[in-house]
C-alpha atoms as a PDB file:
ATOM      1  CA  MET A   1      12.714  14.350 -26.016  1.00  0.00           C
ATOM      2  CA  ALA A   2      10.839  16.043 -23.168  1.00  0.00           C
ATOM      3  CA  ILE A   3       7.045  16.105 -22.981  1.00  0.00           C
ATOM      4  CA  LYS A   4       5.681  19.667 -23.065  1.00  0.00           C
ATOM      5  CA  THR A   5       3.271  20.781 -20.356  1.00  0.00           C
ATOM      6  CA  ALA A   6       1.974  24.177 -19.324  1.00  0.00           C
ATOM      7  CA  ARG A   7       4.720  24.483 -16.739  1.00  0.00           C
ATOM      8  CA  PHE A   8       7.755  22.774 -18.256  1.00  0.00           C
ATOM      9  CA  ASN A   9       9.255  21.839 -21.607  1.00  0.00           C
ATOM     10  CA  THR A  10      12.545  20.245 -20.572  1.00  0.00           C
ATOM     11  CA  ALA A  11      13.484  16.835 -19.223  1.00  0.00           C
ATOM     12  CA  VAL A  12      14.427  16.252 -15.622  1.00  0.00           C
ATOM     13  CA  THR A  13      18.022  15.819 -14.531  1.00  0.00           C
ATOM     14  CA  VAL A  14      18.796  12.344 -13.164  1.00  0.00           C
ATOM     15  CA  GLU A  15      21.966  11.770 -11.167  1.00  0.00           C
ATOM     16  CA  VAL A  16      23.150   8.346  -9.954  1.00  0.00           C
ATOM     17  CA  ASP A  17      25.861   7.785  -7.376  1.00  0.00           C
ATOM     18  CA  TYR A  18      27.488   4.790  -9.040  1.00  0.00           C
ATOM     19  CA  ASN A  19      29.748   4.266  -6.047  1.00  0.00           C
ATOM     20  CA  ALA A  20      26.649   3.361  -4.036  1.00  0.00           C
ATOM     21  CA  CYS A  21      24.540   1.822  -6.820  1.00  0.00           C
ATOM     22  CA  ILE A  22      24.230  -1.980  -6.651  1.00  0.00           C
ATOM     23  CA  HIS A  23      22.590  -2.209 -10.103  1.00  0.00           C
ATOM     24  CA  CYS A  24      19.578  -4.052  -8.721  1.00  0.00           C
ATOM     25  CA  GLY A  25      17.396  -2.757 -11.565  1.00  0.00           C
ATOM     26  CA  ARG A  26      14.452  -1.626  -9.432  1.00  0.00           C
ATOM     27  CA  CYS A  27      14.616   1.936 -10.722  1.00  0.00           C
ATOM     28  CA  ALA A  28      14.720   0.759 -14.339  1.00  0.00           C
ATOM     29  CA  GLU A  29      11.735  -1.495 -13.726  1.00  0.00           C
ATOM     30  CA  VAL A  30       9.524   1.389 -12.548  1.00  0.00           C
ATOM     31  CA  CYS A  31      10.863   3.863 -15.125  1.00  0.00           C
ATOM     32  CA  LYS A  32       8.186   3.760 -17.828  1.00  0.00           C
ATOM     33  CA  GLY A  33       9.579   6.745 -19.739  1.00  0.00           C
ATOM     34  CA  GLN A  34      12.680   4.539 -20.051  1.00  0.00           C
ATOM     35  CA  PRO A  35      15.565   6.989 -19.629  1.00  0.00           C
ATOM     36  CA  LEU A  36      16.735   4.483 -16.991  1.00  0.00           C
ATOM     37  CA  PHE A  37      17.441   0.988 -18.282  1.00  0.00           C
ATOM     38  CA  MET A  38      19.646  -2.008 -17.628  1.00  0.00           C
ATOM     39  CA  ALA A  39      22.323  -3.094 -20.101  1.00  0.00           C
ATOM     40  CA  ASP A  40      24.906  -5.799 -19.423  1.00  0.00           C
ATOM     41  CA  GLY A  41      23.826  -5.866 -15.790  1.00  0.00           C
ATOM     42  CA  LYS A  42      24.499  -2.174 -15.314  1.00  0.00           C
ATOM     43  CA  LEU A  43      22.174   0.800 -14.836  1.00  0.00           C
ATOM     44  CA  LYS A  44      22.273   3.231 -17.752  1.00  0.00           C
ATOM     45  CA  ILE A  45      20.754   6.677 -18.359  1.00  0.00           C
ATOM     46  CA  ASP A  46      19.728   7.954 -21.781  1.00  0.00           C
ATOM     47  CA  GLN A  47      17.414  10.983 -21.866  1.00  0.00           C
ATOM     48  CA  GLU A  48      16.826  10.480 -25.594  1.00  0.00           C
ATOM     49  CA  ARG A  49      14.905   7.247 -25.027  1.00  0.00           C
ATOM     50  CA  ILE A  50      11.118   7.592 -25.472  1.00  0.00           C
ATOM     51  CA  PHE A  51      10.058  10.636 -23.391  1.00  0.00           C
ATOM     52  CA  GLY A  52      13.143  11.216 -21.290  1.00  0.00           C
ATOM     53  CA  CYS A  53      12.658  11.687 -17.551  1.00  0.00           C
ATOM     54  CA  ILE A  54       9.207  13.147 -16.826  1.00  0.00           C
ATOM     55  CA  GLY A  55       9.836  13.580 -13.113  1.00  0.00           C
ATOM     56  CA  CYS A  56       7.558  10.924 -11.629  1.00  0.00           C
ATOM     57  CA  GLY A  57      10.147  10.286  -8.904  1.00  0.00           C
ATOM     58  CA  HIS A  58       9.469   6.549  -8.763  1.00  0.00           C
ATOM     59  CA  CYS A  59      13.152   5.715  -9.085  1.00  0.00           C
ATOM     60  CA  MET A  60      14.031   7.689  -5.959  1.00  0.00           C
ATOM     61  CA  CYS A  61      11.214   5.993  -4.055  1.00  0.00           C
ATOM     62  CA  VAL A  62      12.298   2.415  -4.826  1.00  0.00           C
ATOM     63  CA  CYS A  63      16.088   2.752  -4.685  1.00  0.00           C
ATOM     64  CA  PRO A  64      17.346   0.717  -1.683  1.00  0.00           C
ATOM     65  CA  GLN A  65      20.639   2.604  -1.660  1.00  0.00           C
ATOM     66  CA  GLU A  66      19.108   6.101  -1.949  1.00  0.00           C
ATOM     67  CA  CYS A  67      21.656   6.835  -4.637  1.00  0.00           C
ATOM     68  CA  ILE A  68      19.377   8.472  -7.232  1.00  0.00           C
ATOM     69  CA  GLN A  69      18.572  12.176  -7.304  1.00  0.00           C
ATOM     70  CA  VAL A  70      16.007  13.703  -9.645  1.00  0.00           C
ATOM     71  CA  ARG A  71      15.735  17.456 -10.156  1.00  0.00           C
ATOM     72  CA  GLY A  72      13.477  19.543 -12.369  1.00  0.00           C
ATOM     73  CA  ARG A  73       9.826  19.757 -13.451  1.00  0.00           C
ATOM     74  CA  ASP A  74       8.834  20.679  -9.887  1.00  0.00           C
ATOM     75  CA  ILE A  75      10.551  17.734  -8.213  1.00  0.00           C
ATOM     76  CA  ASN A  76      13.754  17.415  -6.207  1.00  0.00           C
ATOM     77  CA  PRO A  77      15.342  14.968  -3.715  1.00  0.00           C
ATOM     78  CA  GLN A  78      13.792  16.841  -0.775  1.00  0.00           C
ATOM     79  CA  ASP A  79      10.358  15.755  -1.977  1.00  0.00           C
ATOM     80  CA  VAL A  80      11.069  12.124  -1.075  1.00  0.00           C
ATOM     81  CA  LEU A  81       9.297  11.385   2.216  1.00  0.00           C
ATOM     82  CA  PRO A  82       9.261   8.343   4.494  1.00  0.00           C
ATOM     83  CA  MET A  83       6.536   5.886   3.562  1.00  0.00           C
ATOM     84  CA  PRO A  84       3.759   5.898   6.197  1.00  0.00           C
ATOM     85  CA  GLU A  85       3.858   2.908   8.516  1.00  0.00           C
ATOM     86  CA  LYS A  86       1.455   0.133   7.562  1.00  0.00           C
ATOM     87  CA  ALA A  87      -0.043   0.334  11.047  1.00  0.00           C
ATOM     88  CA  ASP A  88      -1.077   3.919  10.301  1.00  0.00           C
ATOM     89  CA  LEU A  89      -2.875   3.040   7.063  1.00  0.00           C
ATOM     90  CA  PRO A  90      -6.635   2.416   7.044  1.00  0.00           C
ATOM     91  CA  GLY A  91      -7.780  -1.030   6.049  1.00  0.00           C
ATOM     92  CA  TYR A  92     -10.465  -1.588   3.441  1.00  0.00           C
ATOM     93  CA  GLU A  93     -13.193  -1.555   6.092  1.00  0.00           C
ATOM     94  CA  GLN A  94     -12.148   1.886   7.331  1.00  0.00           C
ATOM     95  CA  LEU A  95     -11.817   3.246   3.810  1.00  0.00           C
ATOM     96  CA  TYR A  96     -15.194   1.854   2.772  1.00  0.00           C
ATOM     97  CA  ALA A  97     -16.776   3.316   5.909  1.00  0.00           C
ATOM     98  CA  LEU A  98     -15.482   6.757   4.930  1.00  0.00           C
ATOM     99  CA  LEU A  99     -16.754   6.369   1.361  1.00  0.00           C
ATOM    100  CA  LEU A 100     -20.133   5.063   2.492  1.00  0.00           C
ATOM    101  CA  SER A 101     -20.594   7.856   5.020  1.00  0.00           C
ATOM    102  CA  ARG A 102     -20.128  10.586   2.415  1.00  0.00           C
ATOM    103  CA  ARG A 103     -23.273  12.229   1.098  1.00  0.00           C
ATOM    104  CA  SER A 104     -23.726  15.205  -1.197  1.00  0.00           C
ATOM    105  CA  VAL A 105     -24.349  18.049   1.243  1.00  0.00           C
ATOM    106  CA  ARG A 106     -26.222  21.169   0.133  1.00  0.00           C
ATOM    107  CA  SER A 107     -27.354  22.599   3.473  1.00  0.00           C
ATOM    108  CA  PHE A 108     -24.675  24.193   5.629  1.00  0.00           C
ATOM    109  CA  GLN A 109     -24.342  25.706   9.083  1.00  0.00           C
ATOM    110  CA  ASN A 110     -23.679  29.421   9.373  1.00  0.00           C
ATOM    111  CA  ARG A 111     -20.051  28.672  10.148  1.00  0.00           C
ATOM    112  CA  ARG A 112     -16.830  29.305   8.254  1.00  0.00           C
ATOM    113  CA  VAL A 113     -14.416  26.499   7.457  1.00  0.00           C
ATOM    114  CA  GLU A 114     -11.209  26.981   9.411  1.00  0.00           C
ATOM    115  CA  PRO A 115      -8.091  27.928   7.395  1.00  0.00           C
ATOM    116  CA  GLU A 116      -6.276  24.934   8.875  1.00  0.00           C
ATOM    117  CA  LYS A 117      -8.823  22.552   7.393  1.00  0.00           C
ATOM    118  CA  ILE A 118      -8.679  24.274   4.014  1.00  0.00           C
ATOM    119  CA  ALA A 119      -4.900  23.821   4.065  1.00  0.00           C
ATOM    120  CA  LEU A 120      -5.296  20.126   4.919  1.00  0.00           C
ATOM    121  CA  ILE A 121      -7.703  19.638   2.018  1.00  0.00           C
ATOM    122  CA  ILE A 122      -5.230  21.218  -0.400  1.00  0.00           C
ATOM    123  CA  GLU A 123      -2.431  19.104   1.069  1.00  0.00           C
ATOM    124  CA  ALA A 124      -4.488  15.975   0.383  1.00  0.00           C
ATOM    125  CA  VAL A 125      -5.320  17.176  -3.143  1.00  0.00           C
ATOM    126  CA  SER A 126      -1.619  17.553  -3.913  1.00  0.00           C
ATOM    127  CA  THR A 127      -1.247  13.764  -3.590  1.00  0.00           C
ATOM    128  CA  ALA A 128      -3.768  13.103  -6.388  1.00  0.00           C
ATOM    129  CA  PRO A 129      -2.437  11.258  -9.441  1.00  0.00           C
ATOM    130  CA  MET A 130      -2.308  13.012 -12.783  1.00  0.00           C
ATOM    131  CA  GLY A 131      -1.991  11.945 -16.388  1.00  0.00           C
ATOM    132  CA  LEU A 132       1.504  13.384 -16.661  1.00  0.00           C
ATOM    133  CA  PRO A 133       3.664  14.937 -13.940  1.00  0.00           C
ATOM    134  CA  PRO A 134       3.958  17.578 -12.802  1.00  0.00           C
ATOM    135  CA  SER A 135       0.319  18.347 -12.108  1.00  0.00           C
ATOM    136  CA  ASP A 136      -1.229  21.102 -14.200  1.00  0.00           C
ATOM    137  CA  VAL A 137      -4.305  21.245 -11.962  1.00  0.00           C
ATOM    138  CA  GLU A 138      -5.101  24.686 -10.570  1.00  0.00           C
ATOM    139  CA  VAL A 139      -7.505  25.486  -7.741  1.00  0.00           C
ATOM    140  CA  LEU A 140      -9.432  28.701  -7.226  1.00  0.00           C
ATOM    141  CA  ILE A 141     -10.412  28.889  -3.537  1.00  0.00           C
ATOM    142  CA  LEU A 142     -13.416  31.014  -2.575  1.00  0.00           C
ATOM    143  CA  ASP A 143     -13.207  31.263   1.209  1.00  0.00           C
ATOM    144  CA  GLY A 144     -16.186  32.843   2.933  1.00  0.00           C
ATOM    145  CA  PHE A 145     -19.911  33.207   2.367  1.00  0.00           C
ATOM    146  CA  ASP A 146     -19.599  36.540   0.558  1.00  0.00           C
ATOM    147  CA  LYS A 147     -16.954  35.331  -1.882  1.00  0.00           C
ATOM    148  CA  VAL A 148     -18.846  32.141  -2.703  1.00  0.00           C
ATOM    149  CA  GLN A 149     -22.060  34.096  -3.159  1.00  0.00           C
ATOM    150  CA  GLN A 150     -20.390  36.589  -5.492  1.00  0.00           C
ATOM    151  CA  PHE A 151     -18.962  33.696  -7.503  1.00  0.00           C
ATOM    152  CA  ALA A 152     -22.442  32.147  -7.744  1.00  0.00           C
ATOM    153  CA  ASP A 153     -23.999  35.484  -8.712  1.00  0.00           C
ATOM    154  CA  ASP A 154     -21.437  36.002 -11.470  1.00  0.00           C
ATOM    155  CA  ILE A 155     -22.070  32.516 -12.854  1.00  0.00           C
ATOM    156  CA  ILE A 156     -25.830  33.075 -12.812  1.00  0.00           C
ATOM    157  CA  ALA A 157     -25.293  36.347 -14.667  1.00  0.00           C
ATOM    158  CA  VAL A 158     -23.530  34.384 -17.413  1.00  0.00           C
ATOM    159  CA  ILE A 159     -26.300  31.780 -17.355  1.00  0.00           C
ATOM    160  CA  ARG A 160     -28.935  34.481 -17.753  1.00  0.00           C
ATOM    161  CA  LYS A 161     -27.243  35.728 -20.916  1.00  0.00           C
ATOM    162  CA  SER A 162     -27.024  32.185 -22.284  1.00  0.00           C
ATOM    163  CA  ARG A 163     -30.599  31.023 -21.679  1.00  0.00           C
ATOM    164  CA  TRP A 164     -31.524  31.477 -25.335  1.00  0.00           C
ATOM    165  CA  PHE A 165     -29.112  28.687 -26.278  1.00  0.00           C
ATOM    166  CA  PHE A 166     -31.236  26.166 -24.387  1.00  0.00           C
ATOM    167  CA  SER A 167     -34.602  27.334 -25.703  1.00  0.00           C
ATOM    168  CA  PRO A 168     -36.887  24.677 -27.240  1.00  0.00           C
ATOM    169  CA  LEU A 169     -36.265  26.160 -30.691  1.00  0.00           C
ATOM    170  CA  MET A 170     -32.454  26.016 -30.379  1.00  0.00           C
ATOM    171  CA  THR A 171     -32.610  22.528 -28.911  1.00  0.00           C
ATOM    172  CA  ALA A 172     -34.660  21.334 -31.875  1.00  0.00           C
ATOM    173  CA  LEU A 173     -32.266  22.974 -34.336  1.00  0.00           C
ATOM    174  CA  LEU A 174     -29.219  21.406 -32.677  1.00  0.00           C
ATOM    175  CA  LYS A 175     -30.690  17.944 -32.239  1.00  0.00           C
ATOM    176  CA  PRO A 176     -29.530  16.664 -35.678  1.00  0.00           C
ATOM    177  CA  PHE A 177     -25.962  17.714 -34.845  1.00  0.00           C
ATOM    178  CA  PHE A 178     -25.740  16.864 -31.122  1.00  0.00           C
ATOM    179  CA  GLY A 179     -28.039  13.854 -31.058  1.00  0.00           C
ATOM    180  CA  LYS A 180     -31.122  12.679 -29.219  1.00  0.00           C
ATOM    181  CA  GLU A 181     -29.311  12.354 -25.895  1.00  0.00           C
ATOM    182  CA  TYR A 182     -28.329  16.030 -25.922  1.00  0.00           C
ATOM    183  CA  SER A 183     -31.863  17.076 -26.738  1.00  0.00           C
ATOM    184  CA  GLU A 184     -33.333  14.931 -23.976  1.00  0.00           C
ATOM    185  CA  SER A 185     -30.765  16.195 -21.454  1.00  0.00           C
ATOM    186  CA  VAL A 186     -31.602  19.809 -22.289  1.00  0.00           C
ATOM    187  CA  ASP A 187     -35.346  19.191 -22.072  1.00  0.00           C
ATOM    188  CA  THR A 188     -35.303  17.225 -18.834  1.00  0.00           C
ATOM    189  CA  PHE A 189     -32.411  18.819 -16.921  1.00  0.00           C
ATOM    190  CA  ILE A 190     -30.418  21.691 -18.379  1.00  0.00           C
ATOM    191  CA  ARG A 191     -33.276  24.049 -19.331  1.00  0.00           C
ATOM    192  CA  PRO A 192     -35.242  23.479 -16.091  1.00  0.00           C
ATOM    193  CA  ALA A 193     -32.059  23.916 -14.055  1.00  0.00           C
ATOM    194  CA  VAL A 194     -31.082  27.127 -15.854  1.00  0.00           C
ATOM    195  CA  ASP A 195     -34.561  28.542 -15.340  1.00  0.00           C
ATOM    196  CA  LEU A 196     -34.478  27.550 -11.670  1.00  0.00           C
ATOM    197  CA  PHE A 197     -31.099  29.222 -11.048  1.00  0.00           C
ATOM    198  CA  VAL A 198     -32.309  32.502 -12.516  1.00  0.00           C
ATOM    199  CA  GLN A 199     -35.750  32.446 -10.889  1.00  0.00           C
ATOM    200  CA  GLU A 200     -34.438  31.616  -7.416  1.00  0.00           C
ATOM    201  CA  LYS A 201     -31.704  34.221  -7.712  1.00  0.00           C
ATOM    202  CA  ALA A 202     -34.438  36.828  -8.254  1.00  0.00           C
ATOM    203  CA  LYS A 203     -35.903  35.690  -4.908  1.00  0.00           C
ATOM    204  CA  GLY A 204     -32.560  35.983  -3.144  1.00  0.00           C
ATOM    205  CA  GLN A 205     -31.971  32.223  -3.053  1.00  0.00           C
ATOM    206  CA  ASP A 206     -28.851  30.430  -4.239  1.00  0.00           C
ATOM    207  CA  VAL A 207     -29.661  26.984  -5.606  1.00  0.00           C
ATOM    208  CA  LEU A 208     -26.406  26.830  -7.537  1.00  0.00           C
ATOM    209  CA  LEU A 209     -23.811  26.883  -4.743  1.00  0.00           C
ATOM    210  CA  TYR A 210     -26.349  26.691  -1.890  1.00  0.00           C
ATOM    211  CA  HIS A 211     -24.969  29.550   0.239  1.00  0.00           C
ATOM    212  CA  ALA A 212     -21.870  27.466   1.024  1.00  0.00           C
ATOM    213  CA  PRO A 213     -19.083  28.992   3.147  1.00  0.00           C
ATOM    214  CA  LEU A 214     -16.342  27.522   0.952  1.00  0.00           C
ATOM    215  CA  ALA A 215     -16.030  26.614  -2.711  1.00  0.00           C
ATOM    216  CA  MET A 216     -13.154  25.429  -4.854  1.00  0.00           C
ATOM    217  CA  TYR A 217     -12.995  25.491  -8.640  1.00  0.00           C
ATOM    218  CA  PHE A 218     -10.683  22.822 -10.042  1.00  0.00           C
ATOM    219  CA  HIS A 219      -9.405  23.385 -13.571  1.00  0.00           C
ATOM    220  CA  ALA A 220      -6.312  22.460 -15.571  1.00  0.00           C
ATOM    221  CA  SER A 221      -4.111  23.528 -18.443  1.00  0.00           C
ATOM    222  CA  PRO A 222      -4.801  22.453 -22.047  1.00  0.00           C
ATOM    223  CA  TYR A 223      -1.889  20.010 -21.742  1.00  0.00           C
ATOM    224  CA  ALA A 224      -3.416  18.111 -18.806  1.00  0.00           C
ATOM    225  CA  ASP A 225      -5.471  14.966 -18.971  1.00  0.00           C
ATOM    226  CA  PRO A 226      -9.159  15.997 -18.900  1.00  0.00           C
ATOM    227  CA  ALA A 227      -9.688  13.749 -15.878  1.00  0.00           C
ATOM    228  CA  ASP A 228      -7.015  15.427 -13.739  1.00  0.00           C
ATOM    229  CA  SER A 229      -9.301  18.123 -12.314  1.00  0.00           C
ATOM    230  CA  ILE A 230     -12.035  15.623 -11.460  1.00  0.00           C
ATOM    231  CA  VAL A 231      -9.591  13.295  -9.730  1.00  0.00           C
ATOM    232  CA  ALA A 232      -8.199  16.196  -7.683  1.00  0.00           C
ATOM    233  CA  ALA A 233     -11.717  17.314  -6.748  1.00  0.00           C
ATOM    234  CA  THR A 234     -12.564  13.785  -5.618  1.00  0.00           C
ATOM    235  CA  TYR A 235      -9.542  13.765  -3.320  1.00  0.00           C
ATOM    236  CA  ALA A 236     -10.727  17.085  -1.900  1.00  0.00           C
ATOM    237  CA  MET A 237     -14.178  15.674  -1.138  1.00  0.00           C
ATOM    238  CA  LEU A 238     -12.763  12.637   0.647  1.00  0.00           C
ATOM    239  CA  ALA A 239     -10.345  14.784   2.647  1.00  0.00           C
ATOM    240  CA  ALA A 240     -13.238  17.044   3.643  1.00  0.00           C
ATOM    241  CA  GLN A 241     -15.271  14.043   4.766  1.00  0.00           C
ATOM    242  CA  SER A 242     -12.426  12.885   6.987  1.00  0.00           C
ATOM    243  CA  LEU A 243     -12.337  16.372   8.561  1.00  0.00           C
ATOM    244  CA  GLY A 244     -16.028  16.391   9.451  1.00  0.00           C
ATOM    245  CA  LEU A 245     -17.084  18.590   6.536  1.00  0.00           C
ATOM    246  CA  GLY A 246     -19.818  18.038   3.995  1.00  0.00           C
ATOM    247  CA  SER A 247     -19.216  18.590   0.300  1.00  0.00           C
ATOM    248  CA  CYS A 248     -20.885  18.405  -3.082  1.00  0.00           C
ATOM    249  CA  MET A 249     -19.654  18.498  -6.667  1.00  0.00           C
ATOM    250  CA  ILE A 250     -21.386  21.137  -8.796  1.00  0.00           C
ATOM    251  CA  GLY A 251     -20.973  20.467 -12.507  1.00  0.00           C
ATOM    252  CA  THR A 252     -22.937  23.377 -13.991  1.00  0.00           C
ATOM    253  CA  PRO A 253     -20.534  26.330 -13.474  1.00  0.00           C
ATOM    254  CA  PRO A 254     -17.594  25.053 -15.567  1.00  0.00           C
ATOM    255  CA  PHE A 255     -19.731  24.811 -18.700  1.00  0.00           C
ATOM    256  CA  PHE A 256     -20.594  28.516 -18.515  1.00  0.00           C
ATOM    257  CA  ILE A 257     -17.166  29.594 -17.259  1.00  0.00           C
ATOM    258  CA  LYS A 258     -15.633  28.017 -20.357  1.00  0.00           C
ATOM    259  CA  TYR A 259     -17.392  30.427 -22.711  1.00  0.00           C
ATOM    260  CA  SER A 260     -17.195  33.651 -20.694  1.00  0.00           C
ATOM    261  CA  ARG A 261     -14.085  35.725 -21.293  1.00  0.00           C
ATOM    262  CA  GLU A 262     -15.197  38.380 -18.812  1.00  0.00           C
ATOM    263  CA  PHE A 263     -15.693  35.825 -16.057  1.00  0.00           C
ATOM    264  CA  LYS A 264     -12.233  34.353 -16.640  1.00  0.00           C
ATOM    265  CA  GLN A 265     -10.665  37.788 -16.570  1.00  0.00           C
ATOM    266  CA  LYS A 266     -12.401  38.728 -13.315  1.00  0.00           C
ATOM    267  CA  TYR A 267     -11.220  35.585 -11.536  1.00  0.00           C
ATOM    268  CA  ARG A 268      -7.837  35.485 -13.281  1.00  0.00           C
ATOM    269  CA  LEU A 269      -8.468  32.097 -14.857  1.00  0.00           C
ATOM    270  CA  PRO A 270      -6.137  31.200 -17.735  1.00  0.00           C
ATOM    271  CA  PRO A 271      -8.246  31.668 -20.886  1.00  0.00           C
ATOM    272  CA  LYS A 272      -7.299  28.324 -22.426  1.00  0.00           C
ATOM    273  CA  ASN A 273      -7.590  26.172 -19.312  1.00  0.00           C
ATOM    274  CA  GLN A 274      -9.871  23.170 -19.447  1.00  0.00           C
ATOM    275  CA  PRO A 275     -13.037  23.518 -17.357  1.00  0.00           C
ATOM    276  CA  GLY A 276     -13.168  21.093 -14.470  1.00  0.00           C
ATOM    277  CA  ILE A 277     -15.576  21.033 -11.548  1.00  0.00           C
ATOM    278  CA  VAL A 278     -16.689  23.160  -8.588  1.00  0.00           C
ATOM    279  CA  VAL A 279     -16.872  21.627  -5.124  1.00  0.00           C
ATOM    280  CA  ILE A 280     -18.687  23.297  -2.233  1.00  0.00           C
ATOM    281  CA  PHE A 281     -17.801  22.616   1.401  1.00  0.00           C
ATOM    282  CA  GLY A 282     -19.111  23.390   4.845  1.00  0.00           C
ATOM    283  CA  TYR A 283     -20.348  21.981   8.117  1.00  0.00           C
ATOM    284  CA  PRO A 284     -23.573  20.049   7.420  1.00  0.00           C
ATOM    285  CA  GLN A 285     -26.772  21.631   8.668  1.00  0.00           C
ATOM    286  CA  ILE A 286     -28.527  18.254   8.693  1.00  0.00           C
ATOM    287  CA  GLU A 287     -26.920  15.060   9.954  1.00  0.00           C
ATOM    288  CA  PHE A 288     -27.518  11.924   7.920  1.00  0.00           C
ATOM    289  CA  SER A 289     -28.425   8.911  10.033  1.00  0.00           C
ATOM    290  CA  LYS A 290     -28.407   6.388   7.191  1.00  0.00           C
ATOM    291  CA  ALA A 291     -26.151   5.528   4.267  1.00  0.00           C
ATOM    292  CA  LEU A 292     -27.244   4.390   0.805  1.00  0.00           C
ATOM    293  CA  GLN A 293     -26.190   1.442  -1.289  1.00  0.00           C
ATOM    294  CA  ARG A 294     -25.286   2.589  -4.803  1.00  0.00           C
ATOM    295  CA  ARG A 295     -24.857   0.543  -7.970  1.00  0.00           C
ATOM    296  CA  LEU A 296     -22.866   1.129 -11.134  1.00  0.00           C
ATOM    297  CA  GLY A 297     -24.504   1.222 -14.534  1.00  0.00           C
ATOM    298  CA  LYS A 298     -22.773  -1.984 -15.574  1.00  0.00           C
ATOM    299  CA  VAL A 299     -19.805  -4.129 -14.650  1.00  0.00           C
ATOM    300  CA  THR A 300     -18.427  -6.449 -17.324  1.00  0.00           C
ATOM    301  CA  TYR A 301     -15.731  -9.084 -16.956  1.00  0.00           C
ATOM    302  CA  ARG A 302     -13.940 -10.338 -20.070  1.00  0.00           C
END
């Protein structure tokens, strides 16, 4: 049985060169869909077990004999690449330095992001894990000040039409259904933010996407894990940081995009796709000279 996604509904083809196979069992060990398994010391394939082959490619990556070929669901043997040398990998200190140096940037230089860097960001995003391969994450790239500004203007137009939903009266009416936390969030953040977006737009200011030169909207099919878009966006932010760019996640637009058919049609967004997150990018106008120590809400060991 194959798992259905937005892109595929069939299992992947798995071929084993049994003349080269040494039946070491590594591929079966990493095969969690279990079409590969060991029986009587021999490697077996049964696509009817559990999910069938979902195309994760792990078997090809661990086979010491390179005798397994997987094809289908957007994967093929040519996708297997040499593992980077350990000497080329950053240690924890280097990784933590990158993470610590990242700040949410909302002020940008009047400078476009080079196409080569955009391509590198997307290349990095393609390595992001997903709930189920192949990835159903889609990215809408708005490259250039004018395109980002038009995107922001269109979102604010949707927001303007929806302001009534966040009025004090509606918030009070919805409180019994949505809870105290929703009501408090609307009162202290959502309503003031919505009002600010509209008011500043009337003054020619963009406090939604901050006049960024580049924006990306990450979204995914209804079959995808809800976290997939956020994970992909996080990879994009870290890639941008490594390239000398600033970035910031903007969570407001997806909420309004979700309920606007006209907006989806204009930007050719699949009508049923799950809303994800918008990330803005650009060269920072202001250089940060200090980092900040952050803390989680709670860490519990059991």
